[in-house]
Amino acid sequence: MIARILNSIFFKNAKGKAGRYVRNSAKLFDLAKDVVGKLQNVGIKGNLSEFQASVQLLIRMVRAYASGEYKGLPWKSLLSIVAVLIYFVSPIDLLPDFLPVIGITDDVALVVWLIKTLGDDVKKFSDWEKKEKTINIG
């Protein structure tokens, strides 16, 4: 399924847009807002809570990069994350979102694939995020 998604016209379109988004912090913040909105609209529950956590992690990565707080994200990884998030918010993709249950299957598969593919970058960001949130008392 991943090969079909990655080779689809829908994902190729998302990759084309990703290059424009990563050069514009305002577009990245807007994309993050759109992704949060879609997560809320989809109403992800139960077995998909891990998927939701993964998407939220990707959102935090994009926001940290766009704000200039996190500089450790390689360009290629950022492009991949943004392309996947653009694909996720698009209502028309390989499996259109208006199809109950099945419509989100391609989005879930793509996010799971991305998290596995970017394992090192995700770990580095998570470590950075934990360090940033830790309060050093003394």
Protein backbone atom coordinates (compact mmCIF):
# COMPACT_ATOMS: atom_id res chain seq x y z
CA MET A 1 0.00 0.00 0.00
CA ILE A 2 2.83 2.44 0.84
CA ALA A 3 4.34 2.10 -2.63
CA ARG A 4 0.94 2.90 -4.18
CA ILE A 5 0.55 5.97 -1.97
CA LEU A 6 4.09 7.25 -2.59
CA ASN A 7 3.67 6.83 -6.35
CA SER A 8 0.17 8.30 -6.47
CA ILE A 9 -0.55 11.63 -8.13
CA PHE A 10 -1.97 12.77 -4.80
CA PHE A 11 1.30 12.27 -2.90
CA LYS A 12 3.37 13.68 -5.77
CA ASN A 13 1.17 16.78 -5.61
CA ALA A 14 1.75 17.01 -1.83
CA LYS A 15 5.53 16.70 -2.34
CA GLY A 16 5.42 19.52 -4.88
CA LYS A 17 3.63 21.78 -2.42
CA ALA A 18 5.96 20.81 0.45
CA GLY A 19 8.89 22.70 -1.07
CA ARG A 20 6.89 25.94 -1.03
CA TYR A 21 5.64 25.36 2.50
CA VAL A 22 9.02 24.74 4.13
CA ARG A 23 10.29 28.11 2.93
CA ASN A 24 7.43 29.96 4.60
CA SER A 25 6.94 29.78 8.37
CA ALA A 26 3.41 31.19 8.16
CA LYS A 27 2.41 28.37 5.76
CA LEU A 28 3.92 25.81 8.13
CA PHE A 29 1.94 27.19 11.08
CA ASP A 30 -1.24 27.22 8.96
CA LEU A 31 -0.60 23.62 7.92
CA ALA A 32 -0.12 22.59 11.56
CA LYS A 33 -3.43 24.29 12.43
CA ASP A 34 -5.19 22.47 9.56
CA VAL A 35 -3.79 19.12 10.70
CA VAL A 36 -4.98 19.72 14.28
CA GLY A 37 -8.42 20.59 12.90
CA LYS A 38 -8.58 17.42 10.83
CA LEU A 39 -7.50 15.29 13.80
CA GLN A 40 -10.40 16.76 15.77
CA ASN A 41 -12.88 16.28 12.91
CA VAL A 42 -11.89 12.69 12.25
CA GLY A 43 -12.52 11.81 15.90
CA ILE A 44 -9.73 9.28 16.25
CA LYS A 45 -10.30 6.78 19.05
CA GLY A 46 -9.09 3.48 20.42
CA ASN A 47 -6.62 1.69 18.17
CA LEU A 48 -5.76 4.91 16.38
CA SER A 49 -4.53 6.76 19.47
CA GLU A 50 -0.93 5.87 18.53
CA PHE A 51 -1.54 7.33 15.07
CA GLN A 52 -2.88 10.52 16.66
CA ALA A 53 0.18 10.74 18.93
CA SER A 54 2.46 10.32 15.90
CA VAL A 55 0.67 13.08 13.97
CA GLN A 56 0.88 15.36 17.02
CA LEU A 57 4.62 14.68 17.20
CA LEU A 58 4.99 15.63 13.53
CA ILE A 59 3.02 18.83 14.19
CA ARG A 60 5.33 19.73 17.09
CA MET A 61 8.37 19.09 14.87
CA VAL A 62 7.02 21.40 12.17
CA ARG A 63 6.10 24.13 14.68
CA ALA A 64 9.49 23.94 16.41
CA TYR A 65 11.23 24.23 13.04
CA ALA A 66 8.98 27.07 11.84
CA SER A 67 9.52 29.05 15.04
CA GLY A 68 13.29 28.61 14.81
CA GLU A 69 13.44 26.77 18.13
CA TYR A 70 14.64 23.50 16.62
CA LYS A 71 17.32 23.54 13.94
CA GLY A 72 18.30 19.85 14.00
CA LEU A 73 15.80 18.65 11.42
CA PRO A 74 17.42 17.74 8.08
CA TRP A 75 15.88 19.42 5.03
CA LYS A 76 14.91 16.13 3.38
CA SER A 77 13.16 14.96 6.56
CA LEU A 78 11.31 18.26 6.87
CA LEU A 79 10.14 18.00 3.26
CA SER A 80 8.89 14.45 3.90
CA ILE A 81 7.03 15.47 7.06
CA VAL A 82 5.38 18.43 5.35
CA ALA A 83 4.41 16.34 2.31
CA VAL A 84 2.79 13.71 4.55
CA LEU A 85 0.90 16.38 6.52
CA ILE A 86 -0.31 18.03 3.30
CA TYR A 87 -1.49 14.61 2.08
CA PHE A 88 -3.20 14.03 5.44
CA VAL A 89 -5.23 17.25 5.31
CA SER A 90 -6.22 16.75 1.68
CA PRO A 91 -9.78 15.39 1.51
CA ILE A 92 -9.10 13.76 -1.87
CA ASP A 93 -6.25 11.27 -1.90
CA LEU A 94 -5.68 7.61 -2.71
CA LEU A 95 -8.56 6.64 -0.38
CA PRO A 96 -10.86 9.67 -0.08
CA ASP A 97 -11.61 10.64 3.51
CA PHE A 98 -15.37 10.69 3.00
CA LEU A 99 -15.31 6.87 2.90
CA PRO A 100 -16.11 5.79 6.48
CA VAL A 101 -13.23 4.06 8.29
CA ILE A 102 -11.42 3.10 5.07
CA GLY A 103 -10.85 6.74 4.11
CA ILE A 104 -8.20 7.26 6.78
CA THR A 105 -6.36 3.97 6.16
CA ASP A 106 -3.93 5.46 3.65
CA ASP A 107 -3.20 8.38 6.00
CA VAL A 108 -2.47 6.01 8.88
CA ALA A 109 -0.20 3.84 6.72
CA LEU A 110 1.70 6.87 5.46
CA VAL A 111 2.26 8.35 8.93
CA VAL A 112 3.40 4.99 10.35
CA TRP A 113 5.80 4.58 7.41
CA LEU A 114 7.18 8.12 7.91
CA ILE A 115 7.75 7.70 11.64
CA LYS A 116 9.66 4.46 10.98
CA THR A 117 11.62 5.98 8.10
CA LEU A 118 12.63 9.05 10.10
CA GLY A 119 13.34 7.09 13.29
CA ASP A 120 16.65 8.81 14.10
CA ASP A 121 15.31 12.31 13.40
CA VAL A 122 12.19 11.60 15.47
CA LYS A 123 14.32 10.34 18.37
CA LYS A 124 16.63 13.36 18.23
CA PHE A 125 13.65 15.70 18.25
CA SER A 126 11.98 13.83 21.12
CA ASP A 127 15.21 13.98 23.14
CA TRP A 128 15.54 17.70 22.40
CA GLU A 129 11.91 18.29 23.34
CA LYS A 130 12.30 16.47 26.67
CA LYS A 131 15.45 18.46 27.44
CA GLU A 132 13.69 21.74 26.61
CA LYS A 133 10.75 20.93 28.87
CA THR A 134 12.95 19.86 31.78
CA ILE A 135 13.28 22.52 34.44
CA ASN A 136 16.75 22.64 35.94
CA ILE A 137 16.35 23.65 39.58
CA GLY A 138 19.86 23.88 40.51
